[in-house]
Amino acid sequence: MVLSPQKDAFGIPPDVAYLNCSFLSPNLEEVREAGEQAIARTSRPWEVAAEDFFEESELLRQLFARLVGGDADGVAIMPSVSYAIGTAAANIPIPAGSRVIVLTEQFPSNVYPW
């Protein structure tokens, strides 16, 4: 299956070819708009209820689990990849003397925790 070009979904100017997504990927326009809506919403904290912190994240966990054919209980939401890798590294029992292999020139957040 071949996808049609998706460049317009990211708002990338026609004269730009951005390929360094492992460093910092551009957001989809939909994501930028959702972020702007979230900022507008939190600008009025008196309208945010305690349950609002959990409803959307639970829906997100369920949708992602469905996407990958898993279970929402197996999906964790983390604030960043580096935090997630650090958490995983701290909780995976690795016997003393073991070796962890990472790619050459791997991003530091996937090197330091190991």
PDB file of N, CA and C in Angstrom:
ATOM      1  N   MET A   1       0.848  -1.179   0.000  1.00  0.00           N
ATOM      2  CA  MET A   1       0.000   0.000   0.000  1.00  0.00           C
ATOM      3  C   MET A   1       0.894   1.242   0.000  1.00  0.00           C
ATOM      4  N   VAL A   2       0.627   2.172  -0.874  1.00  0.00           N
ATOM      5  CA  VAL A   2       1.393   3.410  -0.977  1.00  0.00           C
ATOM      6  C   VAL A   2       0.520   4.555  -0.480  1.00  0.00           C
ATOM      7  N   LEU A   3       1.045   5.310   0.463  1.00  0.00           N
ATOM      8  CA  LEU A   3       0.321   6.471   0.969  1.00  0.00           C
ATOM      9  C   LEU A   3       0.519   7.657   0.045  1.00  0.00           C
ATOM     10  N   SER A   4      -0.481   8.486  -0.009  1.00  0.00           N
ATOM     11  CA  SER A   4      -0.327   9.730  -0.758  1.00  0.00           C
ATOM     12  C   SER A   4       0.542  10.681   0.061  1.00  0.00           C
ATOM     13  N   PRO A   5       1.128  11.700  -0.562  1.00  0.00           N
ATOM     14  CA  PRO A   5       1.970  12.649   0.179  1.00  0.00           C
ATOM     15  C   PRO A   5       1.203  13.272   1.354  1.00  0.00           C
ATOM     16  N   GLN A   6       1.881  13.418   2.471  1.00  0.00           N
ATOM     17  CA  GLN A   6       1.257  13.925   3.699  1.00  0.00           C
ATOM     18  C   GLN A   6       1.855  15.249   4.169  1.00  0.00           C
ATOM     19  N   LYS A   7       2.715  15.849   3.356  1.00  0.00           N
ATOM     20  CA  LYS A   7       3.442  17.049   3.774  1.00  0.00           C
ATOM     21  C   LYS A   7       2.495  18.171   4.207  1.00  0.00           C
ATOM     22  N   ASP A   8       1.390  18.342   3.510  1.00  0.00           N
ATOM     23  CA  ASP A   8       0.458  19.422   3.852  1.00  0.00           C
ATOM     24  C   ASP A   8      -0.167  19.236   5.230  1.00  0.00           C
ATOM     25  N   ALA A   9      -0.255  17.999   5.705  1.00  0.00           N
ATOM     26  CA  ALA A   9      -0.827  17.749   7.022  1.00  0.00           C
ATOM     27  C   ALA A   9       0.056  18.302   8.132  1.00  0.00           C
ATOM     28  N   PHE A  10       1.310  18.622   7.807  1.00  0.00           N
ATOM     29  CA  PHE A  10       2.259  19.134   8.792  1.00  0.00           C
ATOM     30  C   PHE A  10       2.500  20.635   8.664  1.00  0.00           C
ATOM     31  N   GLY A  11       1.965  21.267   7.656  1.00  0.00           N
ATOM     32  CA  GLY A  11       2.190  22.700   7.488  1.00  0.00           C
ATOM     33  C   GLY A  11       3.627  23.037   7.142  1.00  0.00           C
ATOM     34  N   ILE A  12       4.326  22.123   6.481  1.00  0.00           N
ATOM     35  CA  ILE A  12       5.715  22.361   6.099  1.00  0.00           C
ATOM     36  C   ILE A  12       5.723  23.178   4.811  1.00  0.00           C
ATOM     37  N   PRO A  13       6.465  24.270   4.768  1.00  0.00           N
ATOM     38  CA  PRO A  13       6.503  25.098   3.550  1.00  0.00           C
ATOM     39  C   PRO A  13       6.975  24.288   2.338  1.00  0.00           C
ATOM     40  N   PRO A  14       6.507  24.637   1.159  1.00  0.00           N
ATOM     41  CA  PRO A  14       6.854  23.891  -0.059  1.00  0.00           C
ATOM     42  C   PRO A  14       8.358  23.815  -0.334  1.00  0.00           C
ATOM     43  N   ASP A  15       9.105  24.826   0.086  1.00  0.00           N
ATOM     44  CA  ASP A  15      10.541  24.853  -0.208  1.00  0.00           C
ATOM     45  C   ASP A  15      11.397  24.176   0.877  1.00  0.00           C
ATOM     46  N   VAL A  16      10.743  23.496   1.842  1.00  0.00           N
ATOM     47  CA  VAL A  16      11.464  22.837   2.933  1.00  0.00           C
ATOM     48  C   VAL A  16      11.300  21.322   2.822  1.00  0.00           C
ATOM     49  N   ALA A  17      12.438  20.621   2.927  1.00  0.00           N
ATOM     50  CA  ALA A  17      12.435  19.159   3.015  1.00  0.00           C
ATOM     51  C   ALA A  17      13.069  18.820   4.359  1.00  0.00           C
ATOM     52  N   TYR A  18      12.248  18.561   5.356  1.00  0.00           N
ATOM     53  CA  TYR A  18      12.737  18.313   6.716  1.00  0.00           C
ATOM     54  C   TYR A  18      12.824  16.815   6.952  1.00  0.00           C
ATOM     55  N   LEU A  19      14.021  16.314   7.233  1.00  0.00           N
ATOM     56  CA  LEU A  19      14.232  14.877   7.376  1.00  0.00           C
ATOM     57  C   LEU A  19      14.750  14.459   8.749  1.00  0.00           C
ATOM     58  N   ASN A  20      14.993  15.393   9.652  1.00  0.00           N
ATOM     59  CA  ASN A  20      15.610  15.074  10.936  1.00  0.00           C
ATOM     60  C   ASN A  20      14.557  14.784  12.009  1.00  0.00           C
ATOM     61  N   CYS A  21      13.616  13.899  11.717  1.00  0.00           N
ATOM     62  CA  CYS A  21      12.511  13.622  12.633  1.00  0.00           C
ATOM     63  C   CYS A  21      12.923  12.856  13.880  1.00  0.00           C
ATOM     64  N   SER A  22      14.071  12.187  13.859  1.00  0.00           N
ATOM     65  CA  SER A  22      14.504  11.507  15.087  1.00  0.00           C
ATOM     66  C   SER A  22      14.976  12.524  16.118  1.00  0.00           C
ATOM     67  N   PHE A  23      15.351  13.711  15.670  1.00  0.00           N
ATOM     68  CA  PHE A  23      15.738  14.784  16.586  1.00  0.00           C
ATOM     69  C   PHE A  23      14.503  15.503  17.111  1.00  0.00           C
ATOM     70  N   LEU A  24      13.679  15.989  16.206  1.00  0.00           N
ATOM     71  CA  LEU A  24      12.473  16.715  16.584  1.00  0.00           C
ATOM     72  C   LEU A  24      11.522  16.684  15.404  1.00  0.00           C
ATOM     73  N   SER A  25      10.467  15.924  15.542  1.00  0.00           N
ATOM     74  CA  SER A  25       9.503  15.768  14.463  1.00  0.00           C
ATOM     75  C   SER A  25       8.539  16.955  14.448  1.00  0.00           C
ATOM     76  N   PRO A  26       8.168  17.413  13.270  1.00  0.00           N
ATOM     77  CA  PRO A  26       7.144  18.465  13.224  1.00  0.00           C
ATOM     78  C   PRO A  26       5.792  17.881  13.636  1.00  0.00           C
ATOM     79  N   ASN A  27       4.964  18.694  14.245  1.00  0.00           N
ATOM     80  CA  ASN A  27       3.626  18.253  14.620  1.00  0.00           C
ATOM     81  C   ASN A  27       2.684  18.331  13.435  1.00  0.00           C
ATOM     82  N   LEU A  28       1.727  17.423  13.409  1.00  0.00           N
ATOM     83  CA  LEU A  28       0.630  17.553  12.458  1.00  0.00           C
ATOM     84  C   LEU A  28      -0.120  18.846  12.774  1.00  0.00           C
ATOM     85  N   GLU A  29      -0.725  19.442  11.788  1.00  0.00           N
ATOM     86  CA  GLU A  29      -1.526  20.639  12.033  1.00  0.00           C
ATOM     87  C   GLU A  29      -2.635  20.349  13.049  1.00  0.00           C
ATOM     88  N   GLU A  30      -3.226  19.144  12.972  1.00  0.00           N
ATOM     89  CA  GLU A  30      -4.267  18.756  13.929  1.00  0.00           C
ATOM     90  C   GLU A  30      -3.733  18.749  15.353  1.00  0.00           C
ATOM     91  N   VAL A  31      -2.494  18.324  15.514  1.00  0.00           N
ATOM     92  CA  VAL A  31      -1.873  18.281  16.844  1.00  0.00           C
ATOM     93  C   VAL A  31      -1.620  19.695  17.342  1.00  0.00           C
ATOM     94  N   ARG A  32      -1.125  20.570  16.457  1.00  0.00           N
ATOM     95  CA  ARG A  32      -0.905  21.966  16.845  1.00  0.00           C
ATOM     96  C   ARG A  32      -2.221  22.596  17.298  1.00  0.00           C
ATOM     97  N   GLU A  33      -3.288  22.359  16.530  1.00  0.00           N
ATOM     98  CA  GLU A  33      -4.593  22.919  16.882  1.00  0.00           C
ATOM     99  C   GLU A  33      -5.092  22.379  18.222  1.00  0.00           C
ATOM    100  N   ALA A  34      -4.894  21.080  18.457  1.00  0.00           N
ATOM    101  CA  ALA A  34      -5.306  20.482  19.740  1.00  0.00           C
ATOM    102  C   ALA A  34      -4.503  21.085  20.881  1.00  0.00           C
ATOM    103  N   GLY A  35      -3.212  21.326  20.660  1.00  0.00           N
ATOM    104  CA  GLY A  35      -2.378  21.954  21.683  1.00  0.00           C
ATOM    105  C   GLY A  35      -2.842  23.363  22.002  1.00  0.00           C
ATOM    106  N   GLU A  36      -3.195  24.108  20.973  1.00  0.00           N
ATOM    107  CA  GLU A  36      -3.698  25.462  21.190  1.00  0.00           C
ATOM    108  C   GLU A  36      -5.013  25.434  21.964  1.00  0.00           C
ATOM    109  N   GLN A  37      -5.866  24.460  21.665  1.00  0.00           N
ATOM    110  CA  GLN A  37      -7.130  24.319  22.402  1.00  0.00           C
ATOM    111  C   GLN A  37      -6.864  23.968  23.866  1.00  0.00           C
ATOM    112  N   ALA A  38      -5.865  23.107  24.100  1.00  0.00           N
ATOM    113  CA  ALA A  38      -5.524  22.725  25.477  1.00  0.00           C
ATOM    114  C   ALA A  38      -5.000  23.921  26.260  1.00  0.00           C
ATOM    115  N   ILE A  39      -4.179  24.738  25.618  1.00  0.00           N
ATOM    116  CA  ILE A  39      -3.658  25.931  26.299  1.00  0.00           C
ATOM    117  C   ILE A  39      -4.799  26.886  26.616  1.00  0.00           C
ATOM    118  N   ALA A  40      -5.699  27.071  25.662  1.00  0.00           N
ATOM    119  CA  ALA A  40      -6.856  27.943  25.904  1.00  0.00           C
ATOM    120  C   ALA A  40      -7.701  27.404  27.063  1.00  0.00           C
ATOM    121  N   ARG A  41      -7.855  26.091  27.109  1.00  0.00           N
ATOM    122  CA  ARG A  41      -8.662  25.462  28.167  1.00  0.00           C
ATOM    123  C   ARG A  41      -8.018  25.651  29.534  1.00  0.00           C
ATOM    124  N   THR A  42      -6.705  25.453  29.627  1.00  0.00           N
ATOM    125  CA  THR A  42      -6.043  25.590  30.920  1.00  0.00           C
ATOM    126  C   THR A  42      -5.845  27.050  31.324  1.00  0.00           C
ATOM    127  N   SER A  43      -6.139  27.959  30.405  1.00  0.00           N
ATOM    128  CA  SER A  43      -6.114  29.381  30.760  1.00  0.00           C
ATOM    129  C   SER A  43      -7.319  29.735  31.634  1.00  0.00           C
ATOM    130  N   ARG A  44      -8.276  28.796  31.707  1.00  0.00           N
ATOM    131  CA  ARG A  44      -9.473  28.972  32.520  1.00  0.00           C
ATOM    132  C   ARG A  44      -9.586  27.763  33.465  1.00  0.00           C
ATOM    133  N   PRO A  45      -8.641  27.629  34.419  1.00  0.00           N
ATOM    134  CA  PRO A  45      -8.593  26.428  35.253  1.00  0.00           C
ATOM    135  C   PRO A  45      -9.853  26.177  36.078  1.00  0.00           C
ATOM    136  N   TRP A  46     -10.631  27.206  36.354  1.00  0.00           N
ATOM    137  CA  TRP A  46     -11.861  27.031  37.123  1.00  0.00           C
ATOM    138  C   TRP A  46     -12.914  26.225  36.349  1.00  0.00           C
ATOM    139  N   GLU A  47     -12.669  26.050  35.043  1.00  0.00           N
ATOM    140  CA  GLU A  47     -13.584  25.250  34.229  1.00  0.00           C
ATOM    141  C   GLU A  47     -13.087  23.805  34.052  1.00  0.00           C
ATOM    142  N   VAL A  48     -11.928  23.472  34.630  1.00  0.00           N
ATOM    143  CA  VAL A  48     -11.363  22.129  34.514  1.00  0.00           C
ATOM    144  C   VAL A  48     -11.665  21.368  35.807  1.00  0.00           C
ATOM    145  N   ALA A  49     -12.318  20.217  35.664  1.00  0.00           N
ATOM    146  CA  ALA A  49     -12.663  19.387  36.822  1.00  0.00           C
ATOM    147  C   ALA A  49     -11.622  18.279  36.998  1.00  0.00           C
ATOM    148  N   ALA A  50     -11.569  17.707  38.183  1.00  0.00           N
ATOM    149  CA  ALA A  50     -10.593  16.654  38.482  1.00  0.00           C
ATOM    150  C   ALA A  50     -10.711  15.482  37.520  1.00  0.00           C
ATOM    151  N   GLU A  51     -11.918  15.080  37.170  1.00  0.00           N
ATOM    152  CA  GLU A  51     -12.097  13.939  36.262  1.00  0.00           C
ATOM    153  C   GLU A  51     -11.574  14.234  34.854  1.00  0.00           C
ATOM    154  N   ASP A  52     -11.438  15.499  34.502  1.00  0.00           N
ATOM    155  CA  ASP A  52     -10.908  15.864  33.179  1.00  0.00           C
ATOM    156  C   ASP A  52      -9.475  15.378  32.997  1.00  0.00           C
ATOM    157  N   PHE A  53      -8.746  15.186  34.091  1.00  0.00           N
ATOM    158  CA  PHE A  53      -7.363  14.728  34.000  1.00  0.00           C
ATOM    159  C   PHE A  53      -7.274  13.268  33.572  1.00  0.00           C
ATOM    160  N   PHE A  54      -8.352  12.529  33.756  1.00  0.00           N
ATOM    161  CA  PHE A  54      -8.309  11.092  33.510  1.00  0.00           C
ATOM    162  C   PHE A  54      -9.128  10.634  32.309  1.00  0.00           C
ATOM    163  N   GLU A  55     -10.229  11.290  32.013  1.00  0.00           N
ATOM    164  CA  GLU A  55     -11.108  10.828  30.939  1.00  0.00           C
ATOM    165  C   GLU A  55     -10.400  10.782  29.588  1.00  0.00           C
ATOM    166  N   GLU A  56      -9.730  11.847  29.217  1.00  0.00           N
ATOM    167  CA  GLU A  56      -9.081  11.889  27.910  1.00  0.00           C
ATOM    168  C   GLU A  56      -7.899  10.932  27.829  1.00  0.00           C
ATOM    169  N   SER A  57      -7.133  10.819  28.913  1.00  0.00           N
ATOM    170  CA  SER A  57      -5.991   9.907  28.875  1.00  0.00           C
ATOM    171  C   SER A  57      -6.456   8.453  28.825  1.00  0.00           C
ATOM    172  N   GLU A  58      -7.551   8.122  29.493  1.00  0.00           N
ATOM    173  CA  GLU A  58      -8.086   6.763  29.416  1.00  0.00           C
ATOM    174  C   GLU A  58      -8.584   6.453  28.009  1.00  0.00           C
ATOM    175  N   LEU A  59      -9.235   7.427  27.386  1.00  0.00           N
ATOM    176  CA  LEU A  59      -9.681   7.235  26.003  1.00  0.00           C
ATOM    177  C   LEU A  59      -8.475   7.031  25.093  1.00  0.00           C
ATOM    178  N   LEU A  60      -7.441   7.815  25.280  1.00  0.00           N
ATOM    179  CA  LEU A  60      -6.221   7.684  24.485  1.00  0.00           C
ATOM    180  C   LEU A  60      -5.589   6.309  24.667  1.00  0.00           C
ATOM    181  N   ARG A  61      -5.512   5.826  25.903  1.00  0.00           N
ATOM    182  CA  ARG A  61      -4.950   4.496  26.159  1.00  0.00           C
ATOM    183  C   ARG A  61      -5.764   3.412  25.448  1.00  0.00           C
ATOM    184  N   GLN A  62      -7.079   3.528  25.482  1.00  0.00           N
ATOM    185  CA  GLN A  62      -7.943   2.547  24.821  1.00  0.00           C
ATOM    186  C   GLN A  62      -7.771   2.585  23.308  1.00  0.00           C
ATOM    187  N   LEU A  63      -7.717   3.773  22.747  1.00  0.00           N
ATOM    188  CA  LEU A  63      -7.554   3.899  21.295  1.00  0.00           C
ATOM    189  C   LEU A  63      -6.209   3.356  20.836  1.00  0.00           C
ATOM    190  N   PHE A  64      -5.145   3.656  21.588  1.00  0.00           N
ATOM    191  CA  PHE A  64      -3.827   3.151  21.206  1.00  0.00           C
ATOM    192  C   PHE A  64      -3.777   1.633  21.331  1.00  0.00           C
ATOM    193  N   ALA A  65      -4.348   1.102  22.403  1.00  0.00           N
ATOM    194  CA  ALA A  65      -4.366  -0.352  22.585  1.00  0.00           C
ATOM    195  C   ALA A  65      -5.088  -1.019  21.426  1.00  0.00           C
ATOM    196  N   ARG A  66      -6.177  -0.444  21.003  1.00  0.00           N
ATOM    197  CA  ARG A  66      -6.917  -0.999  19.860  1.00  0.00           C
ATOM    198  C   ARG A  66      -6.066  -0.931  18.596  1.00  0.00           C
ATOM    199  N   LEU A  67      -5.339   0.163  18.416  1.00  0.00           N
ATOM    200  CA  LEU A  67      -4.494   0.337  17.238  1.00  0.00           C
ATOM    201  C   LEU A  67      -3.420  -0.738  17.148  1.00  0.00           C
ATOM    202  N   VAL A  68      -2.822  -1.091  18.288  1.00  0.00           N
ATOM    203  CA  VAL A  68      -1.727  -2.066  18.288  1.00  0.00           C
ATOM    204  C   VAL A  68      -2.185  -3.471  18.664  1.00  0.00           C
ATOM    205  N   GLY A  69      -3.492  -3.650  18.846  1.00  0.00           N
ATOM    206  CA  GLY A  69      -4.008  -4.972  19.178  1.00  0.00           C
ATOM    207  C   GLY A  69      -3.671  -5.398  20.585  1.00  0.00           C
ATOM    208  N   GLY A  70      -3.636  -4.453  21.498  1.00  0.00           N
ATOM    209  CA  GLY A  70      -3.292  -4.759  22.886  1.00  0.00           C
ATOM    210  C   GLY A  70      -4.423  -4.449  23.837  1.00  0.00           C
ATOM    211  N   ASP A  71      -4.055  -4.260  25.093  1.00  0.00           N
ATOM    212  CA  ASP A  71      -4.993  -3.991  26.163  1.00  0.00           C
ATOM    213  C   ASP A  71      -4.630  -2.632  26.778  1.00  0.00           C
ATOM    214  N   ALA A  72      -5.624  -1.817  27.062  1.00  0.00           N
ATOM    215  CA  ALA A  72      -5.366  -0.482  27.615  1.00  0.00           C
ATOM    216  C   ALA A  72      -4.565  -0.543  28.914  1.00  0.00           C
ATOM    217  N   ASP A  73      -4.709  -1.632  29.682  1.00  0.00           N
ATOM    218  CA  ASP A  73      -3.944  -1.751  30.924  1.00  0.00           C
ATOM    219  C   ASP A  73      -2.452  -1.895  30.662  1.00  0.00           C
ATOM    220  N   GLY A  74      -2.084  -2.248  29.445  1.00  0.00           N
ATOM    221  CA  GLY A  74      -0.673  -2.376  29.089  1.00  0.00           C
ATOM    222  C   GLY A  74      -0.106  -1.131  28.441  1.00  0.00           C
ATOM    223  N   VAL A  75      -0.878  -0.048  28.412  1.00  0.00           N
ATOM    224  CA  VAL A  75      -0.436   1.205  27.787  1.00  0.00           C
ATOM    225  C   VAL A  75      -0.162   2.235  28.878  1.00  0.00           C
ATOM    226  N   ALA A  76       1.056   2.753  28.883  1.00  0.00           N
ATOM    227  CA  ALA A  76       1.428   3.796  29.838  1.00  0.00           C
ATOM    228  C   ALA A  76       1.576   5.116  29.093  1.00  0.00           C
ATOM    229  N   ILE A  77       1.125   6.169  29.700  1.00  0.00           N
ATOM    230  CA  ILE A  77       1.298   7.511  29.136  1.00  0.00           C
ATOM    231  C   ILE A  77       2.409   8.191  29.923  1.00  0.00           C
ATOM    232  N   MET A  78       3.430   8.608  29.206  1.00  0.00           N
ATOM    233  CA  MET A  78       4.592   9.211  29.838  1.00  0.00           C
ATOM    234  C   MET A  78       4.797  10.614  29.256  1.00  0.00           C
ATOM    235  N   PRO A  79       5.396  11.518  30.033  1.00  0.00           N
ATOM    236  CA  PRO A  79       5.568  12.885  29.551  1.00  0.00           C
ATOM    237  C   PRO A  79       6.612  13.042  28.453  1.00  0.00           C
ATOM    238  N   SER A  80       7.532  12.072  28.340  1.00  0.00           N
ATOM    239  CA  SER A  80       8.551  12.166  27.302  1.00  0.00           C
ATOM    240  C   SER A  80       9.160  10.787  27.088  1.00  0.00           C
ATOM    241  N   VAL A  81       9.804  10.618  25.944  1.00  0.00           N
ATOM    242  CA  VAL A  81      10.467   9.349  25.652  1.00  0.00           C
ATOM    243  C   VAL A  81      11.608   9.115  26.632  1.00  0.00           C
ATOM    244  N   SER A  82      12.377  10.163  26.942  1.00  0.00           N
ATOM    245  CA  SER A  82      13.509   9.972  27.851  1.00  0.00           C
ATOM    246  C   SER A  82      13.028   9.526  29.234  1.00  0.00           C
ATOM    247  N   TYR A  83      11.939  10.076  29.708  1.00  0.00           N
ATOM    248  CA  TYR A  83      11.382   9.666  31.001  1.00  0.00           C
ATOM    249  C   TYR A  83      10.894   8.225  30.926  1.00  0.00           C
ATOM    250  N   ALA A  84      10.260   7.855  29.832  1.00  0.00           N
ATOM    251  CA  ALA A  84       9.752   6.492  29.660  1.00  0.00           C
ATOM    252  C   ALA A  84      10.897   5.483  29.625  1.00  0.00           C
ATOM    253  N   ILE A  85      11.943   5.794  28.889  1.00  0.00           N
ATOM    254  CA  ILE A  85      13.082   4.875  28.812  1.00  0.00           C
ATOM    255  C   ILE A  85      13.757   4.761  30.178  1.00  0.00           C
ATOM    256  N   GLY A  86      13.907   5.870  30.870  1.00  0.00           N
ATOM    257  CA  GLY A  86      14.491   5.832  32.208  1.00  0.00           C
ATOM    258  C   GLY A  86      13.661   4.993  33.169  1.00  0.00           C
ATOM    259  N   THR A  87      12.347   5.125  33.080  1.00  0.00           N
ATOM    260  CA  THR A  87      11.451   4.333  33.926  1.00  0.00           C
ATOM    261  C   THR A  87      11.561   2.850  33.589  1.00  0.00           C
ATOM    262  N   ALA A  88      11.567   2.542  32.295  1.00  0.00           N
ATOM    263  CA  ALA A  88      11.702   1.140  31.873  1.00  0.00           C
ATOM    264  C   ALA A  88      13.038   0.575  32.341  1.00  0.00           C
ATOM    265  N   ALA A  89      14.111   1.322  32.142  1.00  0.00           N
ATOM    266  CA  ALA A  89      15.445   0.846  32.526  1.00  0.00           C
ATOM    267  C   ALA A  89      15.536   0.598  34.026  1.00  0.00           C
ATOM    268  N   ALA A  90      14.873   1.424  34.808  1.00  0.00           N
ATOM    269  CA  ALA A  90      14.906   1.270  36.259  1.00  0.00           C
ATOM    270  C   ALA A  90      14.073   0.080  36.738  1.00  0.00           C
ATOM    271  N   ASN A  91      13.180  -0.416  35.890  1.00  0.00           N
ATOM    272  CA  ASN A  91      12.273  -1.477  36.311  1.00  0.00           C
ATOM    273  C   ASN A  91      12.467  -2.808  35.605  1.00  0.00           C
ATOM    274  N   ILE A  92      13.423  -2.870  34.697  1.00  0.00           N
ATOM    275  CA  ILE A  92      13.723  -4.127  34.015  1.00  0.00           C
ATOM    276  C   ILE A  92      14.910  -4.758  34.739  1.00  0.00           C
ATOM    277  N   PRO A  93      14.706  -5.950  35.296  1.00  0.00           N
ATOM    278  CA  PRO A  93      15.827  -6.582  35.996  1.00  0.00           C
ATOM    279  C   PRO A  93      16.900  -7.041  35.007  1.00  0.00           C
ATOM    280  N   ILE A  94      18.063  -6.442  35.103  1.00  0.00           N
ATOM    281  CA  ILE A  94      19.188  -6.803  34.236  1.00  0.00           C
ATOM    282  C   ILE A  94      20.296  -7.336  35.142  1.00  0.00           C
ATOM    283  N   PRO A  95      20.618  -8.611  34.997  1.00  0.00           N
ATOM    284  CA  PRO A  95      21.646  -9.197  35.876  1.00  0.00           C
ATOM    285  C   PRO A  95      22.989  -8.485  35.734  1.00  0.00           C
ATOM    286  N   ALA A  96      23.714  -8.393  36.818  1.00  0.00           N
ATOM    287  CA  ALA A  96      25.056  -7.799  36.806  1.00  0.00           C
ATOM    288  C   ALA A  96      25.908  -8.502  35.757  1.00  0.00           C
ATOM    289  N   GLY A  97      26.693  -7.742  35.037  1.00  0.00           N
ATOM    290  CA  GLY A  97      27.562  -8.293  34.005  1.00  0.00           C
ATOM    291  C   GLY A  97      26.902  -8.411  32.647  1.00  0.00           C
ATOM    292  N   SER A  98      25.606  -8.110  32.567  1.00  0.00           N
ATOM    293  CA  SER A  98      24.909  -8.159  31.278  1.00  0.00           C
ATOM    294  C   SER A  98      25.318  -6.974  30.418  1.00  0.00           C
ATOM    295  N   ARG A  99      25.064  -7.097  29.150  1.00  0.00           N
ATOM    296  CA  ARG A  99      25.338  -5.990  28.231  1.00  0.00           C
ATOM    297  C   ARG A  99      24.028  -5.524  27.611  1.00  0.00           C
ATOM    298  N   VAL A 100      23.896  -4.231  27.500  1.00  0.00           N
ATOM    299  CA  VAL A 100      22.759  -3.639  26.805  1.00  0.00           C
ATOM    300  C   VAL A 100      23.306  -3.034  25.528  1.00  0.00           C
ATOM    301  N   ILE A 101      22.743  -3.400  24.412  1.00  0.00           N
ATOM    302  CA  ILE A 101      23.237  -2.924  23.123  1.00  0.00           C
ATOM    303  C   ILE A 101      22.325  -1.812  22.610  1.00  0.00           C
ATOM    304  N   VAL A 102      22.945  -0.703  22.252  1.00  0.00           N
ATOM    305  CA  VAL A 102      22.212   0.410  21.644  1.00  0.00           C
ATOM    306  C   VAL A 102      22.882   0.753  20.317  1.00  0.00           C
ATOM    307  N   LEU A 103      22.163   1.438  19.477  1.00  0.00           N
ATOM    308  CA  LEU A 103      22.693   1.811  18.170  1.00  0.00           C
ATOM    309  C   LEU A 103      23.790   2.857  18.296  1.00  0.00           C
ATOM    310  N   THR A 104      24.712   2.852  17.361  1.00  0.00           N
ATOM    311  CA  THR A 104      25.745   3.872  17.301  1.00  0.00           C
ATOM    312  C   THR A 104      25.078   5.234  17.138  1.00  0.00           C
ATOM    313  N   GLU A 105      25.586   6.210  17.851  1.00  0.00           N
ATOM    314  CA  GLU A 105      25.073   7.577  17.796  1.00  0.00           C
ATOM    315  C   GLU A 105      23.602   7.659  18.193  1.00  0.00           C
ATOM    316  N   GLN A 106      23.175   6.731  19.058  1.00  0.00           N
ATOM    317  CA  GLN A 106      21.810   6.746  19.586  1.00  0.00           C
ATOM    318  C   GLN A 106      21.590   8.038  20.365  1.00  0.00           C
ATOM    319  N   PHE A 107      20.375   8.522  20.375  1.00  0.00           N
ATOM    320  CA  PHE A 107      20.036   9.718  21.137  1.00  0.00           C
ATOM    321  C   PHE A 107      20.388   9.458  22.613  1.00  0.00           C
ATOM    322  N   PRO A 108      20.997  10.410  23.300  1.00  0.00           N
ATOM    323  CA  PRO A 108      21.493  10.188  24.668  1.00  0.00           C
ATOM    324  C   PRO A 108      20.439   9.648  25.642  1.00  0.00           C
ATOM    325  N   SER A 109      19.170  10.024  25.455  1.00  0.00           N
ATOM    326  CA  SER A 109      18.152   9.560  26.402  1.00  0.00           C
ATOM    327  C   SER A 109      17.932   8.061  26.337  1.00  0.00           C
ATOM    328  N   ASN A 110      18.444   7.399  25.294  1.00  0.00           N
ATOM    329  CA  ASN A 110      18.365   5.948  25.241  1.00  0.00           C
ATOM    330  C   ASN A 110      19.726   5.313  25.520  1.00  0.00           C
ATOM    331  N   VAL A 111      20.681   6.076  25.963  1.00  0.00           N
ATOM    332  CA  VAL A 111      21.996   5.539  26.317  1.00  0.00           C
ATOM    333  C   VAL A 111      22.205   5.665  27.830  1.00  0.00           C
ATOM    334  N   TYR A 112      22.026   6.848  28.356  1.00  0.00           N
ATOM    335  CA  TYR A 112      22.341   7.113  29.762  1.00  0.00           C
ATOM    336  C   TYR A 112      21.592   6.218  30.763  1.00  0.00           C
ATOM    337  N   PRO A 113      20.304   5.931  30.564  1.00  0.00           N
ATOM    338  CA  PRO A 113      19.620   5.104  31.575  1.00  0.00           C
ATOM    339  C   PRO A 113      20.206   3.699  31.701  1.00  0.00           C
ATOM    340  N   TRP A 114      20.750   3.183  30.621  1.00  0.00           N
ATOM    341  CA  TRP A 114      21.274   1.816  30.649  1.00  0.00           C
ATOM    342  C   TRP A 114      22.650   1.787  31.264  1.00  0.00           C
TER     343      TRP A 114
END
